Amino acid sequence: MYFKNSTANYKIVSDYMNISIPDVEKLDIFDYWGFLHDAWIYNCSQTEHGREYLENAYYYSQTEPDRQTLRNIFGGGTSGK
């Protein structure tokens, strides 16, 4: 999702925080982006499809292999050390 300051994003934050849209507009920009992030994750976690999306996003963001899980699956060989 492309995040930009739109009334849709204000509505997401407003619903998440249970405050009015004018109150959302008064938030500090860093607080606004933080709450929008949290609201997005909360909304995604409410459905099976959303949870799958969040899980995949987590895996795609990893830059190092999970060596312990790989050893459990494929066996615990040595790496030539």
Protein backbone atom coordinates (compact mmCIF):
# COMPACT_ATOMS: atom_id res chain seq x y z
CA MET A 1 0.00 0.00 0.00
CA TYR A 2 1.28 3.44 -0.88
CA PHE A 3 0.97 5.67 2.16
CA LYS A 4 0.15 9.27 1.47
CA ASN A 5 -1.77 11.82 3.46
CA SER A 6 -5.30 11.13 2.38
CA THR A 7 -8.65 11.08 4.07
CA ALA A 8 -8.61 7.28 3.82
CA ASN A 9 -5.44 7.13 5.91
CA TYR A 10 -6.88 9.68 8.33
CA LYS A 11 -9.93 7.43 8.68
CA ILE A 12 -7.74 4.38 9.36
CA VAL A 13 -5.89 6.22 12.14
CA SER A 14 -9.11 7.75 13.45
CA ASP A 15 -10.78 4.35 13.78
CA TYR A 16 -7.68 2.75 15.28
CA MET A 17 -7.21 5.46 17.91
CA ASN A 18 -10.93 6.18 18.39
CA ILE A 19 -10.44 9.92 17.80
CA SER A 20 -11.94 12.35 15.30
CA ILE A 21 -10.34 13.13 11.93
CA PRO A 22 -9.62 16.75 12.97
CA ASP A 23 -7.75 15.34 15.97
CA VAL A 24 -5.76 13.10 13.62
CA GLU A 25 -4.78 16.16 11.59
CA LYS A 26 -3.43 17.77 14.78
CA LEU A 27 -1.04 14.88 15.48
CA ASP A 28 2.68 15.35 15.14
CA ILE A 29 3.79 13.86 11.80
CA PHE A 30 5.96 11.22 13.47
CA ASP A 31 3.09 10.17 15.73
CA TYR A 32 0.75 10.09 12.74
CA TRP A 33 3.03 7.83 10.71
CA GLY A 34 3.59 5.57 13.72
CA PHE A 35 -0.12 5.23 14.38
CA LEU A 36 -0.81 4.66 10.68
CA HIS A 37 1.79 1.88 10.68
CA ASP A 38 0.29 0.28 13.79
CA ALA A 39 -3.26 0.64 12.44
CA TRP A 40 -2.26 -0.96 9.14
CA ILE A 41 -0.71 -3.95 10.90
CA TYR A 42 -3.69 -4.26 13.27
CA ASN A 43 -6.16 -4.21 10.37
CA CYS A 44 -4.15 -6.79 8.43
CA SER A 45 -4.00 -9.09 11.44
CA GLN A 46 -7.80 -9.28 11.59
CA THR A 47 -8.15 -11.60 8.56
CA GLU A 48 -6.46 -14.80 7.46
CA HIS A 49 -5.37 -13.20 4.18
CA GLY A 50 -3.94 -10.22 6.07
CA ARG A 51 -2.01 -12.45 8.48
CA GLU A 52 -0.57 -14.34 5.52
CA TYR A 53 0.45 -11.01 3.96
CA LEU A 54 2.18 -9.90 7.17
CA GLU A 55 3.99 -13.23 7.52
CA ASN A 56 5.23 -13.06 3.93
CA ALA A 57 6.30 -9.44 4.39
CA TYR A 58 8.33 -10.48 7.43
CA TYR A 59 10.03 -13.31 5.54
CA TYR A 60 10.79 -11.08 2.53
CA SER A 61 12.43 -8.52 4.79
CA GLN A 62 14.92 -11.02 6.27
CA THR A 63 18.46 -10.72 4.95
CA GLU A 64 20.11 -13.52 6.94
CA PRO A 65 19.15 -17.22 6.72
CA ASP A 66 17.59 -18.93 9.73
CA ARG A 67 20.46 -21.37 10.14
CA GLN A 68 18.97 -23.26 13.09
CA THR A 69 15.76 -24.05 11.21
CA LEU A 70 17.75 -25.06 8.12
CA ARG A 71 19.89 -27.40 10.26
CA ASN A 72 16.75 -28.93 11.77
CA ILE A 73 15.26 -29.54 8.33
CA PHE A 74 18.35 -30.64 6.38
CA GLY A 75 20.60 -31.99 9.10
CA GLY A 76 23.36 -30.48 11.15
CA GLY A 77 26.43 -30.80 8.97
CA THR A 78 29.58 -28.81 9.43
CA SER A 79 30.41 -25.86 7.23
CA GLY A 80 34.03 -26.88 6.66
CA LYS A 81 35.27 -25.37 9.90
